[in-house]
N, C-alpha and C. Protein backbone atom coordinates (compact mmCIF):
# COMPACT_ATOMS: atom_id res chain seq x y z
N UNK A 1 101.87 -61.69 33.11
CA UNK A 1 102.80 -62.76 32.75
C UNK A 1 104.22 -62.22 32.87
N UNK A 2 105.02 -62.84 33.67
CA UNK A 2 106.41 -62.42 33.83
C UNK A 2 107.29 -63.30 32.97
N UNK A 3 108.12 -62.69 32.14
CA UNK A 3 109.13 -63.44 31.39
C UNK A 3 110.47 -62.89 31.82
N UNK A 4 111.24 -63.67 32.54
CA UNK A 4 112.52 -63.24 33.07
C UNK A 4 113.57 -64.26 32.67
N UNK A 5 114.79 -63.78 32.36
CA UNK A 5 115.84 -64.67 31.89
C UNK A 5 116.19 -65.75 32.91
N UNK A 6 116.17 -65.41 34.20
CA UNK A 6 116.59 -66.37 35.22
C UNK A 6 115.40 -67.14 35.79
N UNK A 7 114.35 -66.46 36.12
CA UNK A 7 113.20 -67.12 36.74
C UNK A 7 111.97 -66.90 35.86
N UNK A 8 111.35 -67.97 35.46
CA UNK A 8 110.18 -67.87 34.59
C UNK A 8 108.93 -68.10 35.43
N UNK A 9 108.04 -67.16 35.34
CA UNK A 9 106.81 -67.25 36.13
C UNK A 9 105.71 -66.53 35.37
N UNK A 10 104.50 -67.04 35.45
CA UNK A 10 103.38 -66.34 34.83
C UNK A 10 102.31 -66.07 35.88
N UNK A 11 101.70 -64.92 35.77
CA UNK A 11 100.60 -64.59 36.67
C UNK A 11 99.47 -63.98 35.85
N UNK A 12 98.26 -64.46 36.09
CA UNK A 12 97.11 -63.88 35.43
C UNK A 12 96.18 -63.32 36.50
N UNK A 13 95.67 -62.13 36.27
CA UNK A 13 94.67 -61.56 37.16
C UNK A 13 93.39 -61.45 36.34
N UNK A 14 92.42 -62.29 36.65
CA UNK A 14 91.22 -62.34 35.84
C UNK A 14 90.12 -61.51 36.48
N UNK A 15 89.34 -60.86 35.64
CA UNK A 15 88.22 -60.05 36.12
C UNK A 15 87.06 -60.93 36.56
N UNK A 16 86.48 -60.60 37.72
CA UNK A 16 85.40 -61.43 38.25
C UNK A 16 84.13 -61.31 37.41
N UNK A 17 83.99 -60.22 36.67
CA UNK A 17 82.80 -60.06 35.83
C UNK A 17 82.75 -61.09 34.71
N UNK A 18 83.93 -61.56 34.28
CA UNK A 18 83.98 -62.51 33.16
C UNK A 18 83.97 -63.94 33.67
N UNK A 19 84.84 -64.25 34.63
CA UNK A 19 84.96 -65.62 35.14
C UNK A 19 84.48 -65.69 36.58
N UNK A 20 83.47 -66.49 36.82
CA UNK A 20 83.01 -66.68 38.20
C UNK A 20 83.97 -67.63 38.92
N UNK A 21 83.90 -67.64 40.24
CA UNK A 21 84.78 -68.52 41.01
C UNK A 21 84.57 -69.98 40.66
N UNK A 22 83.32 -70.36 40.39
CA UNK A 22 83.03 -71.75 40.05
C UNK A 22 83.71 -72.13 38.74
N UNK A 23 83.64 -71.24 37.77
CA UNK A 23 84.27 -71.51 36.48
C UNK A 23 85.78 -71.56 36.64
N UNK A 24 86.34 -70.64 37.44
CA UNK A 24 87.79 -70.63 37.67
C UNK A 24 88.25 -71.94 38.28
N UNK A 25 87.48 -72.46 39.22
CA UNK A 25 87.88 -73.69 39.89
C UNK A 25 87.89 -74.87 38.92
N UNK A 26 87.03 -74.82 37.92
CA UNK A 26 86.95 -75.93 36.96
C UNK A 26 87.97 -75.80 35.83
N UNK A 27 88.47 -74.59 35.62
CA UNK A 27 89.37 -74.39 34.48
C UNK A 27 90.71 -75.07 34.69
N UNK A 28 91.18 -75.75 33.67
CA UNK A 28 92.48 -76.42 33.73
C UNK A 28 93.53 -75.61 32.97
N UNK A 29 93.11 -74.87 31.98
CA UNK A 29 94.08 -74.09 31.19
C UNK A 29 93.37 -72.91 30.56
N UNK A 30 94.16 -71.95 30.14
CA UNK A 30 93.63 -70.80 29.43
C UNK A 30 94.31 -70.66 28.08
N UNK A 31 93.57 -70.19 27.12
CA UNK A 31 94.16 -69.80 25.85
C UNK A 31 94.07 -68.30 25.76
N UNK A 32 95.20 -67.65 25.58
CA UNK A 32 95.23 -66.20 25.49
C UNK A 32 95.72 -65.84 24.10
N UNK A 33 94.93 -65.13 23.34
CA UNK A 33 95.30 -64.74 21.99
C UNK A 33 95.55 -63.24 21.93
N UNK A 34 96.73 -62.87 21.46
CA UNK A 34 97.08 -61.45 21.31
C UNK A 34 97.16 -61.11 19.83
N UNK A 35 96.79 -59.91 19.50
CA UNK A 35 96.95 -59.41 18.13
C UNK A 35 97.87 -58.20 18.21
N UNK A 36 98.89 -58.19 17.37
CA UNK A 36 99.89 -57.12 17.42
C UNK A 36 99.90 -56.36 16.11
N UNK A 37 99.82 -55.05 16.17
CA UNK A 37 99.97 -54.25 14.96
C UNK A 37 100.50 -52.88 15.35
N UNK A 38 101.44 -52.41 14.56
CA UNK A 38 102.14 -51.16 14.83
C UNK A 38 102.67 -51.17 16.26
N UNK A 39 102.34 -50.17 17.07
CA UNK A 39 102.84 -50.10 18.45
C UNK A 39 101.74 -50.48 19.43
N UNK A 40 100.85 -51.34 19.00
CA UNK A 40 99.68 -51.64 19.81
C UNK A 40 99.49 -53.15 19.95
N UNK A 41 99.10 -53.61 21.13
CA UNK A 41 98.83 -55.02 21.36
C UNK A 41 97.39 -55.14 21.84
N UNK A 42 96.61 -56.00 21.20
CA UNK A 42 95.23 -56.22 21.62
C UNK A 42 95.07 -57.63 22.15
N UNK A 43 94.27 -57.77 23.17
CA UNK A 43 93.88 -59.09 23.64
C UNK A 43 92.64 -59.48 22.84
N UNK A 44 92.79 -60.49 21.99
CA UNK A 44 91.68 -60.88 21.12
C UNK A 44 90.70 -61.76 21.87
N UNK A 45 91.22 -62.77 22.55
CA UNK A 45 90.31 -63.65 23.28
C UNK A 45 91.03 -64.36 24.41
N UNK A 46 90.25 -64.77 25.38
CA UNK A 46 90.77 -65.63 26.45
C UNK A 46 89.72 -66.70 26.69
N UNK A 47 90.13 -67.95 26.70
CA UNK A 47 89.15 -69.02 26.86
C UNK A 47 89.70 -70.11 27.75
N UNK A 48 88.83 -70.72 28.53
CA UNK A 48 89.19 -71.87 29.35
C UNK A 48 88.43 -73.08 28.87
N UNK A 49 88.64 -74.21 29.52
CA UNK A 49 87.98 -75.43 29.10
C UNK A 49 86.47 -75.36 29.31
N UNK A 50 86.04 -74.61 30.32
CA UNK A 50 84.62 -74.57 30.64
C UNK A 50 83.95 -73.27 30.23
N UNK A 51 84.73 -72.33 29.74
CA UNK A 51 84.15 -71.04 29.38
C UNK A 51 84.99 -70.39 28.29
N UNK A 52 84.37 -69.57 27.49
CA UNK A 52 85.11 -68.89 26.43
C UNK A 52 84.59 -67.47 26.30
N UNK A 53 85.50 -66.54 26.25
CA UNK A 53 85.14 -65.13 26.12
C UNK A 53 85.98 -64.53 25.00
N UNK A 54 85.33 -63.92 24.04
CA UNK A 54 86.07 -63.25 22.97
C UNK A 54 85.88 -61.75 23.12
N UNK A 55 86.96 -61.04 23.19
CA UNK A 55 86.90 -59.59 23.36
C UNK A 55 87.95 -58.92 22.50
N UNK A 56 87.62 -57.79 21.96
CA UNK A 56 88.60 -56.97 21.24
C UNK A 56 88.74 -55.69 22.05
N UNK A 57 89.96 -55.36 22.40
CA UNK A 57 90.20 -54.18 23.23
C UNK A 57 90.76 -53.05 22.38
N UNK A 58 90.09 -51.92 22.41
CA UNK A 58 90.57 -50.77 21.64
C UNK A 58 91.75 -50.11 22.34
N UNK A 59 91.73 -50.12 23.66
CA UNK A 59 92.79 -49.46 24.43
C UNK A 59 93.55 -50.47 25.26
N UNK A 60 94.85 -50.53 25.04
CA UNK A 60 95.72 -51.40 25.82
C UNK A 60 96.80 -50.54 26.45
N UNK A 61 96.94 -50.62 27.76
CA UNK A 61 97.95 -49.84 28.46
C UNK A 61 99.22 -50.65 28.60
N UNK A 62 100.35 -50.09 28.17
CA UNK A 62 101.65 -50.71 28.39
C UNK A 62 102.43 -49.78 29.29
N UNK A 63 102.70 -50.21 30.52
CA UNK A 63 103.40 -49.36 31.47
C UNK A 63 104.91 -49.47 31.28
N UNK A 64 105.64 -48.61 31.98
CA UNK A 64 107.11 -48.57 31.87
C UNK A 64 107.76 -49.90 32.23
N UNK A 65 107.21 -50.57 33.26
CA UNK A 65 107.82 -51.82 33.70
C UNK A 65 107.29 -53.03 32.94
N UNK A 66 106.63 -52.79 31.83
CA UNK A 66 106.20 -53.89 30.97
C UNK A 66 104.94 -54.58 31.41
N UNK A 67 104.02 -53.84 32.03
CA UNK A 67 102.75 -54.43 32.41
C UNK A 67 101.72 -54.08 31.34
N UNK A 68 101.11 -55.11 30.78
CA UNK A 68 100.05 -54.89 29.80
C UNK A 68 98.72 -55.01 30.52
N UNK A 69 97.91 -53.98 30.45
CA UNK A 69 96.60 -54.02 31.09
C UNK A 69 95.53 -53.94 30.01
N UNK A 70 94.76 -55.01 29.88
CA UNK A 70 93.69 -55.06 28.90
C UNK A 70 92.38 -54.79 29.63
N UNK A 71 91.79 -53.64 29.39
CA UNK A 71 90.54 -53.29 30.07
C UNK A 71 89.36 -53.90 29.32
N UNK A 72 88.28 -54.14 30.05
CA UNK A 72 87.06 -54.59 29.40
C UNK A 72 86.49 -53.44 28.60
N UNK A 73 85.56 -53.76 27.73
CA UNK A 73 85.02 -52.73 26.85
C UNK A 73 84.33 -51.60 27.63
N UNK A 74 83.80 -51.94 28.81
CA UNK A 74 83.16 -50.90 29.62
C UNK A 74 84.14 -50.25 30.59
N UNK A 75 85.46 -50.58 30.41
CA UNK A 75 86.55 -49.99 31.21
C UNK A 75 86.38 -50.21 32.72
N UNK A 76 85.80 -51.33 33.10
CA UNK A 76 85.70 -51.65 34.53
C UNK A 76 86.96 -52.41 34.95
N UNK A 77 86.79 -53.44 35.76
CA UNK A 77 87.95 -54.22 36.23
C UNK A 77 88.70 -54.79 35.04
N UNK A 78 90.04 -54.72 35.05
CA UNK A 78 90.79 -55.29 33.92
C UNK A 78 90.50 -56.77 33.78
N UNK A 79 90.29 -57.21 32.55
CA UNK A 79 90.07 -58.64 32.29
C UNK A 79 91.32 -59.42 32.62
N UNK A 80 92.46 -58.89 32.21
CA UNK A 80 93.72 -59.58 32.48
C UNK A 80 94.84 -58.56 32.56
N UNK A 81 95.74 -58.77 33.47
CA UNK A 81 96.97 -57.99 33.53
C UNK A 81 98.09 -58.94 33.16
N UNK A 82 98.73 -58.70 32.03
CA UNK A 82 99.82 -59.57 31.59
C UNK A 82 101.13 -58.84 31.81
N UNK A 83 101.99 -59.40 32.63
CA UNK A 83 103.26 -58.75 32.94
C UNK A 83 104.40 -59.43 32.18
N UNK A 84 105.03 -58.69 31.32
CA UNK A 84 106.14 -59.19 30.52
C UNK A 84 107.41 -58.43 30.87
N UNK A 85 108.54 -59.04 30.58
CA UNK A 85 109.79 -58.30 30.64
C UNK A 85 109.75 -57.28 29.50
N UNK A 86 110.28 -56.08 29.74
CA UNK A 86 110.21 -55.00 28.74
C UNK A 86 110.79 -55.44 27.40
N UNK A 87 111.93 -56.14 27.43
CA UNK A 87 112.56 -56.56 26.18
C UNK A 87 111.67 -57.54 25.41
N UNK A 88 110.85 -58.29 26.14
CA UNK A 88 109.94 -59.24 25.50
C UNK A 88 108.90 -58.49 24.68
N UNK A 89 108.36 -57.44 25.26
CA UNK A 89 107.36 -56.63 24.55
C UNK A 89 108.00 -55.94 23.35
N UNK A 90 109.18 -55.34 23.58
CA UNK A 90 109.87 -54.64 22.48
C UNK A 90 110.16 -55.59 21.33
N UNK A 91 110.57 -56.81 21.66
CA UNK A 91 110.89 -57.82 20.66
C UNK A 91 109.67 -58.12 19.80
N UNK A 92 108.52 -58.27 20.45
CA UNK A 92 107.29 -58.57 19.71
C UNK A 92 106.88 -57.39 18.84
N UNK A 93 106.90 -56.19 19.41
CA UNK A 93 106.46 -55.01 18.67
C UNK A 93 107.38 -54.73 17.49
N UNK A 94 108.70 -54.86 17.70
CA UNK A 94 109.65 -54.59 16.62
C UNK A 94 109.47 -55.54 15.45
N UNK A 95 109.29 -56.82 15.74
CA UNK A 95 109.20 -57.81 14.67
C UNK A 95 107.80 -57.94 14.10
N UNK A 96 106.80 -57.47 14.84
CA UNK A 96 105.44 -57.58 14.36
C UNK A 96 104.86 -58.96 14.56
N UNK A 97 105.66 -59.89 15.05
CA UNK A 97 105.17 -61.24 15.30
C UNK A 97 106.09 -61.91 16.32
N UNK A 98 105.65 -63.00 16.90
CA UNK A 98 106.48 -63.70 17.87
C UNK A 98 107.55 -64.51 17.14
N UNK A 99 108.78 -64.45 17.63
CA UNK A 99 109.88 -65.11 16.93
C UNK A 99 109.97 -66.58 17.32
N UNK A 100 110.55 -67.39 16.42
CA UNK A 100 110.72 -68.83 16.67
C UNK A 100 111.61 -69.05 17.88
N UNK A 101 112.67 -68.25 18.03
CA UNK A 101 113.57 -68.38 19.18
C UNK A 101 112.81 -68.19 20.50
N UNK A 102 111.93 -67.22 20.49
CA UNK A 102 111.16 -66.93 21.70
C UNK A 102 110.20 -68.07 22.01
N UNK A 103 109.60 -68.64 20.98
CA UNK A 103 108.70 -69.78 21.16
C UNK A 103 109.46 -70.93 21.82
N UNK A 104 110.64 -71.23 21.28
CA UNK A 104 111.45 -72.33 21.83
C UNK A 104 111.87 -72.04 23.27
N UNK A 105 112.24 -70.79 23.53
CA UNK A 105 112.69 -70.39 24.87
C UNK A 105 111.57 -70.58 25.89
N UNK A 106 110.38 -70.16 25.53
CA UNK A 106 109.25 -70.28 26.45
C UNK A 106 108.88 -71.75 26.62
N UNK A 107 108.91 -72.51 25.53
CA UNK A 107 108.55 -73.94 25.61
C UNK A 107 109.53 -74.71 26.49
N UNK A 108 110.81 -74.33 26.44
CA UNK A 108 111.82 -74.99 27.29
C UNK A 108 111.49 -74.81 28.76
N UNK A 109 111.07 -73.61 29.12
CA UNK A 109 110.84 -73.29 30.52
C UNK A 109 109.41 -73.54 30.98
N UNK A 110 108.50 -73.66 30.04
CA UNK A 110 107.12 -74.01 30.34
C UNK A 110 106.75 -75.24 29.53
N UNK A 111 107.04 -76.43 30.03
CA UNK A 111 106.74 -77.64 29.25
C UNK A 111 105.26 -77.77 28.89
N UNK A 112 104.39 -77.18 29.69
CA UNK A 112 102.96 -77.31 29.43
C UNK A 112 102.40 -76.13 28.65
N UNK A 113 103.29 -75.30 28.11
CA UNK A 113 102.84 -74.13 27.36
C UNK A 113 102.90 -74.42 25.86
N UNK A 114 101.80 -74.21 25.18
CA UNK A 114 101.77 -74.33 23.73
C UNK A 114 101.59 -72.94 23.15
N UNK A 115 102.37 -72.61 22.16
CA UNK A 115 102.27 -71.28 21.55
C UNK A 115 101.97 -71.45 20.07
N UNK A 116 100.91 -70.86 19.63
CA UNK A 116 100.50 -70.97 18.24
C UNK A 116 100.67 -69.63 17.53
N UNK A 117 101.64 -69.52 16.63
CA UNK A 117 101.67 -68.31 15.80
C UNK A 117 100.51 -68.40 14.81
N UNK A 118 99.67 -67.39 14.79
CA UNK A 118 98.54 -67.38 13.88
C UNK A 118 98.91 -66.55 12.66
N UNK A 119 97.93 -65.86 12.06
CA UNK A 119 98.28 -65.00 10.92
C UNK A 119 99.19 -63.88 11.39
N UNK A 120 99.72 -63.11 10.46
CA UNK A 120 100.74 -62.10 10.76
C UNK A 120 100.32 -61.21 11.93
N UNK A 121 101.21 -61.12 12.90
CA UNK A 121 100.97 -60.22 14.03
C UNK A 121 100.03 -60.75 15.08
N UNK A 122 99.70 -62.05 15.02
CA UNK A 122 98.77 -62.58 16.00
C UNK A 122 99.27 -63.94 16.49
N UNK A 123 99.16 -64.19 17.79
CA UNK A 123 99.61 -65.48 18.31
C UNK A 123 98.83 -65.82 19.58
N UNK A 124 98.85 -67.10 19.91
CA UNK A 124 98.13 -67.56 21.10
C UNK A 124 99.07 -68.25 22.06
N UNK A 125 98.81 -68.07 23.35
CA UNK A 125 99.45 -68.86 24.40
C UNK A 125 98.40 -69.81 24.95
N UNK A 126 98.75 -71.07 25.11
CA UNK A 126 97.91 -71.96 25.92
C UNK A 126 98.77 -72.35 27.10
N UNK A 127 98.41 -71.86 28.26
CA UNK A 127 99.22 -72.08 29.45
C UNK A 127 98.42 -72.90 30.45
N UNK A 128 98.94 -74.06 30.80
CA UNK A 128 98.28 -74.91 31.79
C UNK A 128 98.81 -74.56 33.16
N UNK A 129 97.98 -74.00 34.03
CA UNK A 129 98.47 -73.63 35.36
C UNK A 129 98.93 -74.86 36.13
N UNK A 130 100.07 -74.73 36.81
CA UNK A 130 100.61 -75.83 37.59
C UNK A 130 100.28 -75.66 39.07
N UNK A 131 100.36 -74.43 39.56
CA UNK A 131 99.94 -74.14 40.93
C UNK A 131 98.80 -73.14 40.84
N UNK A 132 97.62 -73.55 41.25
CA UNK A 132 96.47 -72.65 41.15
C UNK A 132 96.21 -71.95 42.48
N UNK A 133 96.09 -70.65 42.41
CA UNK A 133 95.75 -69.86 43.58
C UNK A 133 94.55 -69.01 43.21
N UNK A 134 93.38 -69.40 43.67
CA UNK A 134 92.17 -68.72 43.24
C UNK A 134 91.79 -67.56 44.15
N UNK A 135 92.59 -67.30 45.19
CA UNK A 135 92.32 -66.15 46.03
C UNK A 135 92.61 -64.88 45.24
N UNK A 136 91.74 -63.92 45.36
CA UNK A 136 91.89 -62.63 44.65
C UNK A 136 91.99 -62.82 43.14
N UNK A 137 91.39 -63.90 42.63
CA UNK A 137 91.37 -64.16 41.19
C UNK A 137 92.76 -64.26 40.57
N UNK A 138 93.71 -64.78 41.31
CA UNK A 138 95.06 -64.96 40.76
C UNK A 138 95.29 -66.41 40.40
N UNK A 139 95.84 -66.62 39.23
CA UNK A 139 96.28 -67.95 38.83
C UNK A 139 97.78 -67.85 38.62
N UNK A 140 98.55 -68.62 39.37
CA UNK A 140 100.00 -68.53 39.32
C UNK A 140 100.59 -69.78 38.73
N UNK A 141 101.54 -69.60 37.84
CA UNK A 141 102.24 -70.74 37.24
C UNK A 141 103.72 -70.59 37.51
N UNK A 142 104.35 -71.62 38.01
CA UNK A 142 105.79 -71.57 38.24
C UNK A 142 106.42 -72.82 37.66
N UNK A 143 107.43 -72.64 36.81
CA UNK A 143 108.02 -73.77 36.10
C UNK A 143 108.80 -74.71 37.01
N UNK A 144 109.17 -74.24 38.21
CA UNK A 144 110.00 -75.07 39.08
C UNK A 144 109.21 -76.22 39.69
N UNK A 145 107.89 -76.10 39.75
CA UNK A 145 107.09 -77.16 40.35
C UNK A 145 106.16 -77.76 39.30
N UNK A 146 106.63 -78.77 38.62
CA UNK A 146 105.82 -79.43 37.60
C UNK A 146 104.77 -80.30 38.28
N UNK A 147 103.60 -80.47 37.65
CA UNK A 147 102.56 -81.27 38.29
C UNK A 147 102.93 -82.75 38.31
N UNK A 148 102.56 -83.42 39.38
CA UNK A 148 102.83 -84.86 39.47
C UNK A 148 101.86 -85.60 38.56
N UNK A 149 102.31 -86.69 37.93
CA UNK A 149 101.40 -87.44 37.07
C UNK A 149 100.27 -88.04 37.90
N UNK A 150 99.09 -88.23 37.29
CA UNK A 150 97.96 -88.76 38.06
C UNK A 150 98.26 -90.17 38.56
N UNK A 151 97.87 -90.49 39.80
CA UNK A 151 98.18 -91.83 40.33
C UNK A 151 97.42 -92.91 39.58
N UNK A 152 98.08 -94.03 39.37
CA UNK A 152 97.44 -95.15 38.69
C UNK A 152 96.50 -95.85 39.66
N UNK A 153 95.35 -96.33 39.18
CA UNK A 153 94.42 -97.00 40.10
C UNK A 153 95.01 -98.31 40.61
N UNK A 154 95.01 -98.48 41.94
CA UNK A 154 95.54 -99.70 42.55
C UNK A 154 94.57 -100.87 42.39
N UNK A 155 93.30 -100.56 42.52
CA UNK A 155 92.29 -101.62 42.47
C UNK A 155 91.57 -101.54 41.13
N UNK A 156 91.58 -102.63 40.42
CA UNK A 156 90.90 -102.67 39.13
C UNK A 156 89.40 -102.84 39.36
N UNK A 157 88.61 -102.35 38.41
CA UNK A 157 87.17 -102.53 38.50
C UNK A 157 86.83 -104.00 38.30
N UNK A 158 85.72 -104.43 38.91
CA UNK A 158 85.33 -105.84 38.82
C UNK A 158 85.14 -106.27 37.37
N UNK A 159 84.57 -105.39 36.55
CA UNK A 159 84.35 -105.72 35.14
C UNK A 159 85.67 -105.99 34.43
N UNK A 160 86.68 -105.16 34.72
CA UNK A 160 87.99 -105.35 34.10
C UNK A 160 88.60 -106.68 34.51
N UNK A 161 88.44 -107.04 35.79
CA UNK A 161 88.99 -108.31 36.29
C UNK A 161 88.31 -109.48 35.58
N UNK A 162 86.99 -109.40 35.44
CA UNK A 162 86.24 -110.47 34.76
C UNK A 162 86.70 -110.61 33.32
N UNK A 163 86.85 -109.48 32.64
CA UNK A 163 87.30 -109.53 31.23
C UNK A 163 88.67 -110.19 31.12
N UNK A 164 89.57 -109.84 32.01
CA UNK A 164 90.92 -110.43 31.97
C UNK A 164 90.88 -111.93 32.22
N UNK A 165 90.05 -112.35 33.19
CA UNK A 165 89.92 -113.78 33.49
C UNK A 165 89.38 -114.54 32.29
N UNK A 166 88.38 -113.95 31.61
CA UNK A 166 87.81 -114.59 30.41
C UNK A 166 88.86 -114.74 29.32
N UNK A 167 89.67 -113.71 29.12
CA UNK A 167 90.72 -113.76 28.10
C UNK A 167 91.73 -114.86 28.43
N UNK A 168 92.10 -114.96 29.70
CA UNK A 168 93.06 -115.99 30.12
C UNK A 168 92.50 -117.39 29.89
N UNK A 169 91.21 -117.60 30.18
CA UNK A 169 90.57 -118.90 29.96
C UNK A 169 90.60 -119.26 28.48
N UNK A 170 90.29 -118.27 27.63
CA UNK A 170 90.29 -118.51 26.19
C UNK A 170 91.68 -118.90 25.71
N UNK A 171 92.69 -118.23 26.23
CA UNK A 171 94.07 -118.54 25.84
C UNK A 171 94.44 -119.97 26.24
N UNK A 172 94.04 -120.36 27.46
CA UNK A 172 94.34 -121.71 27.93
C UNK A 172 93.67 -122.75 27.05
N UNK A 173 92.41 -122.48 26.66
CA UNK A 173 91.68 -123.40 25.79
C UNK A 173 92.39 -123.53 24.45
N UNK A 174 92.85 -122.41 23.89
CA UNK A 174 93.57 -122.42 22.60
C UNK A 174 94.84 -123.25 22.70
N UNK A 175 95.56 -123.08 23.80
CA UNK A 175 96.80 -123.84 24.00
C UNK A 175 96.53 -125.34 24.02
N UNK A 176 95.45 -125.73 24.72
CA UNK A 176 95.11 -127.15 24.82
C UNK A 176 94.79 -127.72 23.44
N UNK A 177 94.06 -126.97 22.64
CA UNK A 177 93.69 -127.46 21.31
C UNK A 177 94.91 -127.57 20.41
N UNK A 178 95.85 -126.65 20.54
CA UNK A 178 97.05 -126.71 19.70
C UNK A 178 97.94 -127.87 20.10
N UNK A 179 97.98 -128.20 21.39
CA UNK A 179 98.83 -129.31 21.86
C UNK A 179 98.31 -130.64 21.29
N UNK A 180 96.98 -130.82 21.27
CA UNK A 180 96.39 -132.04 20.72
C UNK A 180 96.72 -132.12 19.24
């Protein structure tokens, strides 16, 4: 996950052992829950609409450039690589929890992102991907391209048309009775 002052972008790299391609294609959003204590960040759980995985990671790697790598318990392919701006990580670790200012800042730039502060030192991101790229298990979100609203149906179902016609007939009958 990249958090940058000028350009906001998130990237998730999901491990194939946890999420199959079929599940990835069906997923509309992910919930990522982090637990923070002392100088350590744990990925508590990651869940999608069609699948849910709860994991506690004993070892979390934080690199110099602010890349958080959460390995699976068997230390195989990383479940998720979350890329943050260094100051973002420092801010979280120093305060022990996510700040209200940061929540507002992320919400401004990610309209589809919900952030839930949980108990002390723990919080969740719910990020709805806007541009999905399932090649190499990458899901990319970019705030500059918001999703278009779903198109409204041009043709109504026959049942709906019948119901509307019946309602109109009833209204006409009522009008006639009131006129008399």
